[in-house]
Amino acid sequence: MSASSPEFEEKVESYTELEEPPHYKVLLHNDNYTTMDFVVLVLETVFNKPPAEATHIMLNVHKKGIGVCGIYTSEVAETKVAMVHELARERSYPLKCSMELV
């Protein structure tokens, strides 16, 4: 048999380039009613932030009007936004959380 025989030809698989899914920033918005302690609690429980980082993000929300909680795929971001709204609703806070395409 020769080396050019079809039986021995190396099969080359074609791979399609996989695109990375879009990512979203999850944002907390300042209001005049939600307590700073509650915002820190949300950041620690929903976003798994350590206390120092949660406090830093909370201060950004308080001073700048908005703070980035993290960057996630769309499904994870949507879930985190819903969790924040549910926790805020349970405690009668008007805390707003949103997501923005990175």
PDB file of N, CA and C in Angstrom:
ATOM      1  N   MET A   1       0.838  -1.179   0.000  1.00  0.00           N
ATOM      2  CA  MET A   1       0.000   0.000   0.000  1.00  0.00           C
ATOM      3  C   MET A   1       0.880   1.238   0.000  1.00  0.00           C
ATOM      4  N   SER A   2       0.398   2.212  -0.691  1.00  0.00           N
ATOM      5  CA  SER A   2       1.170   3.439  -0.743  1.00  0.00           C
ATOM      6  C   SER A   2       0.707   4.401   0.342  1.00  0.00           C
ATOM      7  N   ALA A   3       1.544   5.364   0.655  1.00  0.00           N
ATOM      8  CA  ALA A   3       1.233   6.336   1.711  1.00  0.00           C
ATOM      9  C   ALA A   3       0.085   7.251   1.314  1.00  0.00           C
ATOM     10  N   SER A   4      -0.208   7.313   0.012  1.00  0.00           N
ATOM     11  CA  SER A   4      -1.275   8.210  -0.429  1.00  0.00           C
ATOM     12  C   SER A   4      -2.623   7.509  -0.524  1.00  0.00           C
ATOM     13  N   SER A   5      -2.685   6.299  -0.028  1.00  0.00           N
ATOM     14  CA  SER A   5      -3.933   5.549  -0.057  1.00  0.00           C
ATOM     15  C   SER A   5      -4.989   6.254   0.786  1.00  0.00           C
ATOM     16  N   PRO A   6      -6.226   6.311   0.301  1.00  0.00           N
ATOM     17  CA  PRO A   6      -7.290   6.988   1.051  1.00  0.00           C
ATOM     18  C   PRO A   6      -7.528   6.372   2.428  1.00  0.00           C
ATOM     19  N   GLU A   7      -7.208   5.082   2.559  1.00  0.00           N
ATOM     20  CA  GLU A   7      -7.411   4.427   3.843  1.00  0.00           C
ATOM     21  C   GLU A   7      -6.529   5.027   4.931  1.00  0.00           C
ATOM     22  N   PHE A   8      -5.370   5.497   4.520  1.00  0.00           N
ATOM     23  CA  PHE A   8      -4.410   6.005   5.496  1.00  0.00           C
ATOM     24  C   PHE A   8      -4.328   7.532   5.547  1.00  0.00           C
ATOM     25  N   GLU A   9      -5.148   8.161   4.750  1.00  0.00           N
ATOM     26  CA  GLU A   9      -5.107   9.623   4.781  1.00  0.00           C
ATOM     27  C   GLU A   9      -5.581  10.103   6.149  1.00  0.00           C
ATOM     28  N   GLU A  10      -4.882  11.053   6.622  1.00  0.00           N
ATOM     29  CA  GLU A  10      -5.252  11.605   7.927  1.00  0.00           C
ATOM     30  C   GLU A  10      -6.530  12.410   7.787  1.00  0.00           C
ATOM     31  N   LYS A  11      -7.451  12.108   8.638  1.00  0.00           N
ATOM     32  CA  LYS A  11      -8.700  12.856   8.617  1.00  0.00           C
ATOM     33  C   LYS A  11      -8.505  14.146   9.399  1.00  0.00           C
ATOM     34  N   VAL A  12      -8.895  15.218   8.792  1.00  0.00           N
ATOM     35  CA  VAL A  12      -8.787  16.520   9.432  1.00  0.00           C
ATOM     36  C   VAL A  12     -10.192  16.982   9.782  1.00  0.00           C
ATOM     37  N   GLU A  13     -10.401  17.154  11.057  1.00  0.00           N
ATOM     38  CA  GLU A  13     -11.709  17.631  11.493  1.00  0.00           C
ATOM     39  C   GLU A  13     -11.730  19.147  11.405  1.00  0.00           C
ATOM     40  N   SER A  14     -12.850  19.651  10.994  1.00  0.00           N
ATOM     41  CA  SER A  14     -12.970  21.108  10.960  1.00  0.00           C
ATOM     42  C   SER A  14     -13.679  21.552  12.234  1.00  0.00           C
ATOM     43  N   TYR A  15     -13.134  22.557  12.817  1.00  0.00           N
ATOM     44  CA  TYR A  15     -13.704  23.100  14.045  1.00  0.00           C
ATOM     45  C   TYR A  15     -14.284  24.471  13.737  1.00  0.00           C
ATOM     46  N   THR A  16     -15.451  24.700  14.257  1.00  0.00           N
ATOM     47  CA  THR A  16     -16.010  26.027  14.114  1.00  0.00           C
ATOM     48  C   THR A  16     -15.564  26.852  15.312  1.00  0.00           C
ATOM     49  N   GLU A  17     -15.290  28.070  15.074  1.00  0.00           N
ATOM     50  CA  GLU A  17     -14.846  28.971  16.140  1.00  0.00           C
ATOM     51  C   GLU A  17     -16.025  29.250  17.060  1.00  0.00           C
ATOM     52  N   LEU A  18     -15.856  28.951  18.334  1.00  0.00           N
ATOM     53  CA  LEU A  18     -16.913  29.201  19.306  1.00  0.00           C
ATOM     54  C   LEU A  18     -16.777  30.615  19.839  1.00  0.00           C
ATOM     55  N   GLU A  19     -17.882  31.303  19.868  1.00  0.00           N
ATOM     56  CA  GLU A  19     -17.874  32.659  20.406  1.00  0.00           C
ATOM     57  C   GLU A  19     -18.143  32.615  21.897  1.00  0.00           C
ATOM     58  N   GLU A  20     -17.460  33.465  22.624  1.00  0.00           N
ATOM     59  CA  GLU A  20     -17.714  33.576  24.047  1.00  0.00           C
ATOM     60  C   GLU A  20     -19.048  34.285  24.235  1.00  0.00           C
ATOM     61  N   PRO A  21     -19.872  33.805  25.181  1.00  0.00           N
ATOM     62  CA  PRO A  21     -21.170  34.458  25.380  1.00  0.00           C
ATOM     63  C   PRO A  21     -20.982  35.888  25.872  1.00  0.00           C
ATOM     64  N   PRO A  22     -21.941  36.750  25.561  1.00  0.00           N
ATOM     65  CA  PRO A  22     -21.822  38.137  26.018  1.00  0.00           C
ATOM     66  C   PRO A  22     -21.851  38.218  27.539  1.00  0.00           C
ATOM     67  N   HIS A  23     -21.174  39.201  28.074  1.00  0.00           N
ATOM     68  CA  HIS A  23     -21.131  39.408  29.515  1.00  0.00           C
ATOM     69  C   HIS A  23     -21.839  40.718  29.870  1.00  0.00           C
ATOM     70  N   TYR A  24     -22.361  40.729  31.087  1.00  0.00           N
ATOM     71  CA  TYR A  24     -23.124  41.878  31.564  1.00  0.00           C
ATOM     72  C   TYR A  24     -22.610  42.332  32.922  1.00  0.00           C
ATOM     73  N   LYS A  25     -22.547  43.653  33.092  1.00  0.00           N
ATOM     74  CA  LYS A  25     -22.244  44.219  34.407  1.00  0.00           C
ATOM     75  C   LYS A  25     -23.558  44.262  35.186  1.00  0.00           C
ATOM     76  N   VAL A  26     -23.504  43.839  36.432  1.00  0.00           N
ATOM     77  CA  VAL A  26     -24.668  43.978  37.306  1.00  0.00           C
ATOM     78  C   VAL A  26     -24.412  45.207  38.166  1.00  0.00           C
ATOM     79  N   LEU A  27     -25.371  46.126  38.167  1.00  0.00           N
ATOM     80  CA  LEU A  27     -25.220  47.430  38.815  1.00  0.00           C
ATOM     81  C   LEU A  27     -26.256  47.630  39.912  1.00  0.00           C
ATOM     82  N   LEU A  28     -25.831  48.256  41.001  1.00  0.00           N
ATOM     83  CA  LEU A  28     -26.759  48.715  42.044  1.00  0.00           C
ATOM     84  C   LEU A  28     -26.875  50.222  41.930  1.00  0.00           C
ATOM     85  N   HIS A  29     -28.086  50.728  42.112  1.00  0.00           N
ATOM     86  CA  HIS A  29     -28.354  52.163  41.988  1.00  0.00           C
ATOM     87  C   HIS A  29     -28.718  52.743  43.354  1.00  0.00           C
ATOM     88  N   ASN A  30     -28.245  53.936  43.605  1.00  0.00           N
ATOM     89  CA  ASN A  30     -28.501  54.605  44.873  1.00  0.00           C
ATOM     90  C   ASN A  30     -29.952  55.079  44.969  1.00  0.00           C
ATOM     91  N   ASP A  31     -30.467  55.078  46.163  1.00  0.00           N
ATOM     92  CA  ASP A  31     -31.761  55.696  46.460  1.00  0.00           C
ATOM     93  C   ASP A  31     -31.668  56.290  47.859  1.00  0.00           C
ATOM     94  N   ASN A  32     -32.684  57.017  48.276  1.00  0.00           N
ATOM     95  CA  ASN A  32     -32.640  57.706  49.561  1.00  0.00           C
ATOM     96  C   ASN A  32     -33.234  56.899  50.715  1.00  0.00           C
ATOM     97  N   TYR A  33     -33.574  55.634  50.484  1.00  0.00           N
ATOM     98  CA  TYR A  33     -34.277  54.870  51.504  1.00  0.00           C
ATOM     99  C   TYR A  33     -33.564  53.580  51.927  1.00  0.00           C
ATOM    100  N   THR A  34     -32.909  52.913  50.998  1.00  0.00           N
ATOM    101  CA  THR A  34     -32.244  51.647  51.314  1.00  0.00           C
ATOM    102  C   THR A  34     -31.037  51.913  52.196  1.00  0.00           C
ATOM    103  N   THR A  35     -30.934  51.163  53.278  1.00  0.00           N
ATOM    104  CA  THR A  35     -29.827  51.394  54.212  1.00  0.00           C
ATOM    105  C   THR A  35     -28.508  50.855  53.656  1.00  0.00           C
ATOM    106  N   MET A  36     -27.430  51.462  54.112  1.00  0.00           N
ATOM    107  CA  MET A  36     -26.099  51.013  53.707  1.00  0.00           C
ATOM    108  C   MET A  36     -25.848  49.590  54.187  1.00  0.00           C
ATOM    109  N   ASP A  37     -26.313  49.275  55.372  1.00  0.00           N
ATOM    110  CA  ASP A  37     -26.138  47.922  55.915  1.00  0.00           C
ATOM    111  C   ASP A  37     -26.815  46.877  55.031  1.00  0.00           C
ATOM    112  N   PHE A  38     -28.004  47.201  54.524  1.00  0.00           N
ATOM    113  CA  PHE A  38     -28.705  46.257  53.664  1.00  0.00           C
ATOM    114  C   PHE A  38     -27.957  46.069  52.348  1.00  0.00           C
ATOM    115  N   VAL A  39     -27.429  47.139  51.785  1.00  0.00           N
ATOM    116  CA  VAL A  39     -26.661  47.042  50.539  1.00  0.00           C
ATOM    117  C   VAL A  39     -25.436  46.154  50.748  1.00  0.00           C
ATOM    118  N   VAL A  40     -24.743  46.324  51.856  1.00  0.00           N
ATOM    119  CA  VAL A  40     -23.586  45.470  52.163  1.00  0.00           C
ATOM    120  C   VAL A  40     -24.039  44.016  52.302  1.00  0.00           C
ATOM    121  N   LEU A  41     -25.153  43.780  52.974  1.00  0.00           N
ATOM    122  CA  LEU A  41     -25.690  42.432  53.124  1.00  0.00           C
ATOM    123  C   LEU A  41     -25.976  41.803  51.760  1.00  0.00           C
ATOM    124  N   VAL A  42     -26.589  42.552  50.871  1.00  0.00           N
ATOM    125  CA  VAL A  42     -26.887  42.067  49.516  1.00  0.00           C
ATOM    126  C   VAL A  42     -25.592  41.706  48.783  1.00  0.00           C
ATOM    127  N   LEU A  43     -24.608  42.580  48.875  1.00  0.00           N
ATOM    128  CA  LEU A  43     -23.336  42.324  48.189  1.00  0.00           C
ATOM    129  C   LEU A  43     -22.631  41.085  48.742  1.00  0.00           C
ATOM    130  N   GLU A  44     -22.738  40.876  50.037  1.00  0.00           N
ATOM    131  CA  GLU A  44     -22.096  39.707  50.649  1.00  0.00           C
ATOM    132  C   GLU A  44     -22.848  38.411  50.327  1.00  0.00           C
ATOM    133  N   THR A  45     -24.181  38.464  50.339  1.00  0.00           N
ATOM    134  CA  THR A  45     -24.950  37.233  50.169  1.00  0.00           C
ATOM    135  C   THR A  45     -25.220  36.888  48.702  1.00  0.00           C
ATOM    136  N   VAL A  46     -25.631  37.849  47.911  1.00  0.00           N
ATOM    137  CA  VAL A  46     -25.973  37.580  46.512  1.00  0.00           C
ATOM    138  C   VAL A  46     -24.728  37.504  45.633  1.00  0.00           C
ATOM    139  N   PHE A  47     -23.763  38.387  45.905  1.00  0.00           N
ATOM    140  CA  PHE A  47     -22.584  38.482  45.039  1.00  0.00           C
ATOM    141  C   PHE A  47     -21.324  37.876  45.657  1.00  0.00           C
ATOM    142  N   ASN A  48     -21.457  37.292  46.848  1.00  0.00           N
ATOM    143  CA  ASN A  48     -20.341  36.617  47.526  1.00  0.00           C
ATOM    144  C   ASN A  48     -19.113  37.508  47.698  1.00  0.00           C
ATOM    145  N   LYS A  49     -19.341  38.763  48.002  1.00  0.00           N
ATOM    146  CA  LYS A  49     -18.231  39.692  48.222  1.00  0.00           C
ATOM    147  C   LYS A  49     -17.788  39.639  49.678  1.00  0.00           C
ATOM    148  N   PRO A  50     -16.474  39.708  49.907  1.00  0.00           N
ATOM    149  CA  PRO A  50     -16.002  39.798  51.296  1.00  0.00           C
ATOM    150  C   PRO A  50     -16.415  41.150  51.884  1.00  0.00           C
ATOM    151  N   PRO A  51     -16.494  41.270  53.201  1.00  0.00           N
ATOM    152  CA  PRO A  51     -16.983  42.502  53.829  1.00  0.00           C
ATOM    153  C   PRO A  51     -16.291  43.784  53.352  1.00  0.00           C
ATOM    154  N   ALA A  52     -14.981  43.778  53.215  1.00  0.00           N
ATOM    155  CA  ALA A  52     -14.272  45.000  52.805  1.00  0.00           C
ATOM    156  C   ALA A  52     -14.656  45.411  51.387  1.00  0.00           C
ATOM    157  N   GLU A  53     -14.741  44.445  50.479  1.00  0.00           N
ATOM    158  CA  GLU A  53     -15.117  44.762  49.098  1.00  0.00           C
ATOM    159  C   GLU A  53     -16.572  45.198  49.016  1.00  0.00           C
ATOM    160  N   ALA A  54     -17.436  44.542  49.793  1.00  0.00           N
ATOM    161  CA  ALA A  54     -18.850  44.913  49.816  1.00  0.00           C
ATOM    162  C   ALA A  54     -19.018  46.352  50.303  1.00  0.00           C
ATOM    163  N   THR A  55     -18.263  46.723  51.317  1.00  0.00           N
ATOM    164  CA  THR A  55     -18.321  48.097  51.835  1.00  0.00           C
ATOM    165  C   THR A  55     -17.823  49.084  50.789  1.00  0.00           C
ATOM    166  N   HIS A  56     -16.762  48.736  50.083  1.00  0.00           N
ATOM    167  CA  HIS A  56     -16.216  49.610  49.036  1.00  0.00           C
ATOM    168  C   HIS A  56     -17.246  49.837  47.926  1.00  0.00           C
ATOM    169  N   ILE A  57     -17.894  48.762  47.469  1.00  0.00           N
ATOM    170  CA  ILE A  57     -18.911  48.892  46.417  1.00  0.00           C
ATOM    171  C   ILE A  57     -20.094  49.710  46.932  1.00  0.00           C
ATOM    172  N   MET A  58     -20.515  49.452  48.174  1.00  0.00           N
ATOM    173  CA  MET A  58     -21.631  50.209  48.758  1.00  0.00           C
ATOM    174  C   MET A  58     -21.319  51.700  48.783  1.00  0.00           C
ATOM    175  N   LEU A  59     -20.078  52.052  49.127  1.00  0.00           N
ATOM    176  CA  LEU A  59     -19.698  53.469  49.148  1.00  0.00           C
ATOM    177  C   LEU A  59     -19.714  54.071  47.747  1.00  0.00           C
ATOM    178  N   ASN A  60     -19.337  53.297  46.734  1.00  0.00           N
ATOM    179  CA  ASN A  60     -19.453  53.776  45.354  1.00  0.00           C
ATOM    180  C   ASN A  60     -20.906  54.049  45.004  1.00  0.00           C
ATOM    181  N   VAL A  61     -21.786  53.141  45.408  1.00  0.00           N
ATOM    182  CA  VAL A  61     -23.216  53.340  45.148  1.00  0.00           C
ATOM    183  C   VAL A  61     -23.686  54.613  45.845  1.00  0.00           C
ATOM    184  N   HIS A  62     -23.277  54.791  47.078  1.00  0.00           N
ATOM    185  CA  HIS A  62     -23.713  55.941  47.866  1.00  0.00           C
ATOM    186  C   HIS A  62     -23.161  57.260  47.314  1.00  0.00           C
ATOM    187  N   LYS A  63     -21.883  57.285  46.986  1.00  0.00           N
ATOM    188  CA  LYS A  63     -21.245  58.539  46.569  1.00  0.00           C
ATOM    189  C   LYS A  63     -21.407  58.853  45.084  1.00  0.00           C
ATOM    190  N   LYS A  64     -21.366  57.835  44.243  1.00  0.00           N
ATOM    191  CA  LYS A  64     -21.407  58.052  42.789  1.00  0.00           C
ATOM    192  C   LYS A  64     -22.778  57.771  42.184  1.00  0.00           C
ATOM    193  N   GLY A  65     -23.667  57.167  42.966  1.00  0.00           N
ATOM    194  CA  GLY A  65     -25.009  56.886  42.474  1.00  0.00           C
ATOM    195  C   GLY A  65     -25.160  55.506  41.861  1.00  0.00           C
ATOM    196  N   ILE A  66     -24.049  54.835  41.625  1.00  0.00           N
ATOM    197  CA  ILE A  66     -24.089  53.514  41.001  1.00  0.00           C
ATOM    198  C   ILE A  66     -22.829  52.742  41.368  1.00  0.00           C
ATOM    199  N   GLY A  67     -22.934  51.422  41.433  1.00  0.00           N
ATOM    200  CA  GLY A  67     -21.780  50.589  41.732  1.00  0.00           C
ATOM    201  C   GLY A  67     -21.857  49.271  40.990  1.00  0.00           C
ATOM    202  N   VAL A  68     -20.713  48.794  40.522  1.00  0.00           N
ATOM    203  CA  VAL A  68     -20.647  47.520  39.796  1.00  0.00           C
ATOM    204  C   VAL A  68     -20.472  46.383  40.797  1.00  0.00           C
ATOM    205  N   CYS A  69     -21.379  45.425  40.746  1.00  0.00           N
ATOM    206  CA  CYS A  69     -21.342  44.274  41.654  1.00  0.00           C
ATOM    207  C   CYS A  69     -20.544  43.119  41.079  1.00  0.00           C
ATOM    208  N   GLY A  70     -20.472  43.030  39.770  1.00  0.00           N
ATOM    209  CA  GLY A  70     -19.745  41.953  39.116  1.00  0.00           C
ATOM    210  C   GLY A  70     -20.104  41.876  37.649  1.00  0.00           C
ATOM    211  N   ILE A  71     -19.403  41.001  36.936  1.00  0.00           N
ATOM    212  CA  ILE A  71     -19.632  40.785  35.507  1.00  0.00           C
ATOM    213  C   ILE A  71     -19.932  39.305  35.311  1.00  0.00           C
ATOM    214  N   TYR A  72     -21.056  39.031  34.630  1.00  0.00           N
ATOM    215  CA  TYR A  72     -21.556  37.670  34.510  1.00  0.00           C
ATOM    216  C   TYR A  72     -22.154  37.433  33.128  1.00  0.00           C
ATOM    217  N   THR A  73     -22.390  36.158  32.803  1.00  0.00           N
ATOM    218  CA  THR A  73     -23.140  35.842  31.589  1.00  0.00           C
ATOM    219  C   THR A  73     -24.589  36.293  31.803  1.00  0.00           C
ATOM    220  N   SER A  74     -25.353  36.346  30.731  1.00  0.00           N
ATOM    221  CA  SER A  74     -26.698  36.917  30.828  1.00  0.00           C
ATOM    222  C   SER A  74     -27.593  36.177  31.824  1.00  0.00           C
ATOM    223  N   GLU A  75     -27.559  34.848  31.818  1.00  0.00           N
ATOM    224  CA  GLU A  75     -28.438  34.093  32.710  1.00  0.00           C
ATOM    225  C   GLU A  75     -28.084  34.322  34.177  1.00  0.00           C
ATOM    226  N   VAL A  76     -26.796  34.340  34.471  1.00  0.00           N
ATOM    227  CA  VAL A  76     -26.364  34.566  35.853  1.00  0.00           C
ATOM    228  C   VAL A  76     -26.699  35.996  36.271  1.00  0.00           C
ATOM    229  N   ALA A  77     -26.459  36.957  35.391  1.00  0.00           N
ATOM    230  CA  ALA A  77     -26.767  38.362  35.700  1.00  0.00           C
ATOM    231  C   ALA A  77     -28.259  38.539  35.959  1.00  0.00           C
ATOM    232  N   GLU A  78     -29.096  37.952  35.113  1.00  0.00           N
ATOM    233  CA  GLU A  78     -30.548  38.060  35.299  1.00  0.00           C
ATOM    234  C   GLU A  78     -30.980  37.468  36.640  1.00  0.00           C
ATOM    235  N   THR A  79     -30.385  36.345  36.994  1.00  0.00           N
ATOM    236  CA  THR A  79     -30.725  35.697  38.262  1.00  0.00           C
ATOM    237  C   THR A  79     -30.327  36.570  39.445  1.00  0.00           C
ATOM    238  N   LYS A  80     -29.151  37.158  39.391  1.00  0.00           N
ATOM    239  CA  LYS A  80     -28.684  38.007  40.489  1.00  0.00           C
ATOM    240  C   LYS A  80     -29.548  39.265  40.615  1.00  0.00           C
ATOM    241  N   VAL A  81     -29.926  39.863  39.503  1.00  0.00           N
ATOM    242  CA  VAL A  81     -30.813  41.035  39.537  1.00  0.00           C
ATOM    243  C   VAL A  81     -32.140  40.655  40.195  1.00  0.00           C
ATOM    244  N   ALA A  82     -32.691  39.513  39.806  1.00  0.00           N
ATOM    245  CA  ALA A  82     -33.963  39.060  40.391  1.00  0.00           C
ATOM    246  C   ALA A  82     -33.815  38.793  41.888  1.00  0.00           C
ATOM    247  N   MET A  83     -32.699  38.213  42.294  1.00  0.00           N
ATOM    248  CA  MET A  83     -32.473  37.938  43.723  1.00  0.00           C
ATOM    249  C   MET A  83     -32.403  39.236  44.520  1.00  0.00           C
ATOM    250  N   VAL A  84     -31.715  40.245  43.992  1.00  0.00           N
ATOM    251  CA  VAL A  84     -31.619  41.534  44.676  1.00  0.00           C
ATOM    252  C   VAL A  84     -33.000  42.150  44.822  1.00  0.00           C
ATOM    253  N   HIS A  85     -33.777  42.146  43.740  1.00  0.00           N
ATOM    254  CA  HIS A  85     -35.113  42.740  43.798  1.00  0.00           C
ATOM    255  C   HIS A  85     -36.005  41.999  44.783  1.00  0.00           C
ATOM    256  N   GLU A  86     -35.892  40.688  44.832  1.00  0.00           N
ATOM    257  CA  GLU A  86     -36.699  39.908  45.772  1.00  0.00           C
ATOM    258  C   GLU A  86     -36.329  40.230  47.223  1.00  0.00           C
ATOM    259  N   LEU A  87     -35.039  40.263  47.529  1.00  0.00           N
ATOM    260  CA  LEU A  87     -34.605  40.608  48.891  1.00  0.00           C
ATOM    261  C   LEU A  87     -35.058  42.012  49.275  1.00  0.00           C
ATOM    262  N   ALA A  88     -34.934  42.949  48.354  1.00  0.00           N
ATOM    263  CA  ALA A  88     -35.338  44.334  48.633  1.00  0.00           C
ATOM    264  C   ALA A  88     -36.850  44.411  48.855  1.00  0.00           C
ATOM    265  N   ARG A  89     -37.600  43.710  48.044  1.00  0.00           N
ATOM    266  CA  ARG A  89     -39.064  43.721  48.172  1.00  0.00           C
ATOM    267  C   ARG A  89     -39.484  43.135  49.518  1.00  0.00           C
ATOM    268  N   GLU A  90     -38.827  42.042  49.934  1.00  0.00           N
ATOM    269  CA  GLU A  90     -39.153  41.418  51.224  1.00  0.00           C
ATOM    270  C   GLU A  90     -38.960  42.384  52.387  1.00  0.00           C
ATOM    271  N   ARG A  91     -38.016  43.301  52.248  1.00  0.00           N
ATOM    272  CA  ARG A  91     -37.719  44.247  53.337  1.00  0.00           C
ATOM    273  C   ARG A  91     -38.242  45.658  53.049  1.00  0.00           C
ATOM    274  N   SER A  92     -39.073  45.766  52.012  1.00  0.00           N
ATOM    275  CA  SER A  92     -39.720  47.030  51.628  1.00  0.00           C
ATOM    276  C   SER A  92     -38.725  48.136  51.275  1.00  0.00           C
ATOM    277  N   TYR A  93     -37.628  47.766  50.623  1.00  0.00           N
ATOM    278  CA  TYR A  93     -36.663  48.757  50.134  1.00  0.00           C
ATOM    279  C   TYR A  93     -36.851  48.919  48.631  1.00  0.00           C
ATOM    280  N   PRO A  94     -36.653  50.150  48.122  1.00  0.00           N
ATOM    281  CA  PRO A  94     -36.787  50.377  46.684  1.00  0.00           C
ATOM    282  C   PRO A  94     -35.483  50.179  45.914  1.00  0.00           C
ATOM    283  N   LEU A  95     -34.575  49.373  46.432  1.00  0.00           N
ATOM    284  CA  LEU A  95     -33.267  49.183  45.810  1.00  0.00           C
ATOM    285  C   LEU A  95     -33.407  48.716  44.375  1.00  0.00           C
ATOM    286  N   LYS A  96     -32.746  49.417  43.471  1.00  0.00           N
ATOM    287  CA  LYS A  96     -32.782  49.079  42.054  1.00  0.00           C
ATOM    288  C   LYS A  96     -31.476  48.420  41.659  1.00  0.00           C
ATOM    289  N   CYS A  97     -31.605  47.343  40.896  1.00  0.00           N
ATOM    290  CA  CYS A  97     -30.457  46.610  40.377  1.00  0.00           C
ATOM    291  C   CYS A  97     -30.711  46.416  38.884  1.00  0.00           C
ATOM    292  N   SER A  98     -29.677  46.581  38.078  1.00  0.00           N
ATOM    293  CA  SER A  98     -29.833  46.420  36.643  1.00  0.00           C
ATOM    294  C   SER A  98     -28.620  45.728  36.054  1.00  0.00           C
ATOM    295  N   MET A  99     -28.712  45.375  34.780  1.00  0.00           N
ATOM    296  CA  MET A  99     -27.586  44.778  34.078  1.00  0.00           C
ATOM    297  C   MET A  99     -27.351  45.534  32.790  1.00  0.00           C
ATOM    298  N   GLU A 100     -26.089  45.600  32.404  1.00  0.00           N
ATOM    299  CA  GLU A 100     -25.680  46.378  31.240  1.00  0.00           C
ATOM    300  C   GLU A 100     -24.633  45.577  30.475  1.00  0.00           C
ATOM    301  N   LEU A 101     -24.804  45.493  29.166  1.00  0.00           N
ATOM    302  CA  LEU A 101     -23.866  44.767  28.323  1.00  0.00           C
ATOM    303  C   LEU A 101     -22.468  45.383  28.433  1.00  0.00           C
ATOM    304  N   VAL A 102     -21.483  44.523  28.602  1.00  0.00           N
ATOM    305  CA  VAL A 102     -20.093  45.007  28.728  1.00  0.00           C
ATOM    306  C   VAL A 102     -19.570  45.342  27.356  1.00  0.00           C
TER     307      VAL A 102
END
